[in-house]
Amino acid sequence: MKLRPATLFAALSVMAMFGAIVIGLAVIGSPNEFRMRRLDQRRANDLASISGAIRTYRITHESLPEKLTELKHSQQIMNYSLEDPIGRPYEYAVKDAFLYELCAEFDTSTNTMATRFSSIFEAHGLGRQCFSQEARPPARH
């Protein structure tokens, strides 16, 4: 049985396409993994924004907020959420006059050795992760 060139080309094209899909899934992961990483990135961005809002609150009110909901009332524009993308509230605890902790539940773990992160919240493990932060007032001269 002799294969025609068009049939051979079609078979090789299908195999190449299948190979590209397999390699793509191996490199970037499944659509579900990609979605989980995207949601974790949003969590990290929210925590970074919340941390900035807490620092601003500390400067303007000379104390840390007792609860995250106080941030809603102290800012005119709030471009972050106090809940993660699936509706779980971010956890916040005041440790002392300057130290606080923010916690979130992450669906993936980041590879801290291979990547440079723009915030400490992007370097996280799988599951509940807490980040200790400090909000000191500016030094007075």
Protein backbone atom coordinates (compact mmCIF):
# COMPACT_ATOMS: atom_id res chain seq x y z
CA MET A 1 0.00 0.00 0.00
CA LYS A 2 1.47 3.28 -1.11
CA LEU A 3 0.66 6.51 0.76
CA ARG A 4 -0.14 9.55 -1.29
CA PRO A 5 1.83 12.69 -0.42
CA ALA A 6 -1.32 14.53 0.70
CA THR A 7 -2.25 11.71 3.08
CA LEU A 8 1.29 11.57 4.48
CA PHE A 9 1.29 15.36 4.94
CA ALA A 10 -2.08 15.26 6.74
CA ALA A 11 -0.91 12.46 9.05
CA LEU A 12 2.33 14.28 9.90
CA SER A 13 0.42 17.53 10.48
CA VAL A 14 -1.98 15.83 12.91
CA MET A 15 0.94 14.22 14.79
CA ALA A 16 2.78 17.57 14.97
CA MET A 17 -0.34 19.33 16.24
CA PHE A 18 -0.93 16.63 18.86
CA GLY A 19 2.73 16.88 19.93
CA ALA A 20 2.47 20.67 20.26
CA ILE A 21 -0.63 20.32 22.45
CA VAL A 22 1.10 17.77 24.70
CA ILE A 23 4.22 19.94 25.01
CA GLY A 24 2.09 23.03 25.67
CA LEU A 25 0.18 21.32 28.45
CA ALA A 26 3.44 20.07 29.96
CA VAL A 27 4.94 23.57 29.94
CA ILE A 28 2.00 25.73 31.05
CA GLY A 29 -0.11 23.08 32.74
CA SER A 30 -3.72 22.18 32.30
CA PRO A 31 -6.41 24.85 31.95
CA ASN A 32 -7.40 24.16 35.57
CA GLU A 33 -3.82 24.69 36.80
CA PHE A 34 -3.61 27.90 34.79
CA ARG A 35 -6.87 29.11 36.35
CA MET A 36 -5.63 28.30 39.86
CA ARG A 37 -2.37 30.20 39.24
CA ARG A 38 -4.33 33.18 37.90
CA LEU A 39 -6.57 33.20 41.01
CA ASP A 40 -3.49 32.97 43.26
CA GLN A 41 -1.95 35.93 41.43
CA ARG A 42 -5.12 37.91 42.14
CA ARG A 43 -4.90 36.91 45.81
CA ALA A 44 -1.29 38.10 45.94
CA ASN A 45 -2.24 41.39 44.26
CA ASP A 46 -5.14 41.90 46.70
CA LEU A 47 -2.88 41.26 49.70
CA ALA A 48 -0.28 43.72 48.37
CA SER A 49 -3.00 46.37 47.89
CA ILE A 50 -4.48 45.68 51.33
CA SER A 51 -1.02 45.97 52.87
CA GLY A 52 -0.53 49.36 51.19
CA ALA A 53 -3.94 50.50 52.42
CA ILE A 54 -3.06 49.40 55.97
CA ARG A 55 0.18 51.42 55.82
CA THR A 56 -1.77 54.46 54.63
CA TYR A 57 -4.36 53.93 57.37
CA ARG A 58 -1.54 53.67 59.95
CA ILE A 59 -0.13 57.03 58.85
CA THR A 60 -3.45 58.89 58.75
CA HIS A 61 -5.01 57.36 61.89
CA GLU A 62 -1.80 56.77 63.90
CA SER A 63 -2.90 53.19 64.58
CA LEU A 64 -3.57 50.00 62.71
CA PRO A 65 -7.17 49.20 61.81
CA GLU A 66 -8.78 46.69 64.14
CA LYS A 67 -10.54 45.00 61.21
CA LEU A 68 -10.06 45.09 57.45
CA THR A 69 -13.55 46.49 57.00
CA GLU A 70 -12.29 49.77 58.49
CA LEU A 71 -10.29 50.26 55.29
CA LYS A 72 -13.52 50.55 53.30
CA HIS A 73 -14.60 53.55 55.34
CA SER A 74 -11.22 55.29 55.31
CA GLN A 75 -10.64 55.31 51.54
CA GLN A 76 -12.60 56.91 48.75
CA ILE A 77 -11.34 54.47 46.11
CA MET A 78 -10.80 50.80 46.88
CA ASN A 79 -9.49 48.86 43.88
CA TYR A 80 -9.04 45.56 45.68
CA SER A 81 -11.25 43.07 47.43
CA LEU A 82 -11.29 41.99 51.07
CA GLU A 83 -12.33 38.54 49.85
CA ASP A 84 -10.46 36.17 47.58
CA PRO A 85 -11.83 35.37 44.11
CA ILE A 86 -14.01 32.53 45.42
CA GLY A 87 -15.44 34.55 48.31
CA ARG A 88 -13.23 33.55 51.25
CA PRO A 89 -12.37 36.61 53.37
CA TYR A 90 -8.70 37.46 53.74
CA GLU A 91 -7.54 37.08 57.32
CA TYR A 92 -6.03 39.98 59.23
CA ALA A 93 -4.64 40.10 62.74
CA VAL A 94 -2.97 42.94 64.63
CA LYS A 95 0.10 41.67 66.50
CA ASP A 96 1.23 44.92 68.16
CA ALA A 97 1.16 48.67 67.50
CA PHE A 98 3.14 48.27 64.24
CA LEU A 99 3.00 44.59 63.31
CA TYR A 100 0.13 42.83 61.58
CA GLU A 101 -0.45 39.63 59.68
CA LEU A 102 -2.35 38.97 56.45
CA CYS A 103 -3.39 35.43 55.52
CA ALA A 104 -4.94 33.81 52.46
CA GLU A 105 -5.63 30.32 51.14
CA PHE A 106 -3.60 29.59 47.98
CA ASP A 107 -4.36 26.86 45.45
CA THR A 108 -0.80 26.54 44.14
CA SER A 109 2.76 26.89 45.33
CA THR A 110 5.20 29.23 43.61
CA ASN A 111 8.75 28.26 42.75
CA THR A 112 10.64 30.83 44.81
CA MET A 113 14.02 29.87 43.32
CA ALA A 114 13.16 30.49 39.66
CA THR A 115 11.23 33.75 39.77
CA ARG A 116 11.69 37.31 40.94
CA PHE A 117 8.57 38.61 42.59
CA SER A 118 7.25 42.16 42.70
CA SER A 119 5.81 41.61 46.22
CA ILE A 120 6.39 39.17 49.06
CA PHE A 121 2.85 37.91 48.63
CA GLU A 122 3.71 36.35 45.28
CA ALA A 123 6.13 33.90 46.95
CA HIS A 124 3.79 31.49 48.67
CA GLY A 125 3.22 27.84 49.40
CA LEU A 126 0.14 25.74 48.91
CA GLY A 127 -2.75 26.19 51.35
CA ARG A 128 -3.13 28.79 54.09
CA GLN A 129 -0.22 31.23 54.06
CA CYS A 130 0.36 34.13 56.42
CA PHE A 131 2.59 37.14 55.88
CA SER A 132 3.85 39.29 58.76
CA GLN A 133 4.06 42.96 57.87
CA GLU A 134 5.19 46.10 59.65
CA ALA A 135 3.64 49.54 59.36
CA ARG A 136 5.81 52.04 61.19
CA PRO A 137 5.10 55.77 61.03
CA PRO A 138 7.61 57.85 59.08
CA ALA A 139 10.61 58.97 61.08
CA ARG A 140 10.35 62.52 62.40
CA HIS A 141 13.35 64.78 62.21
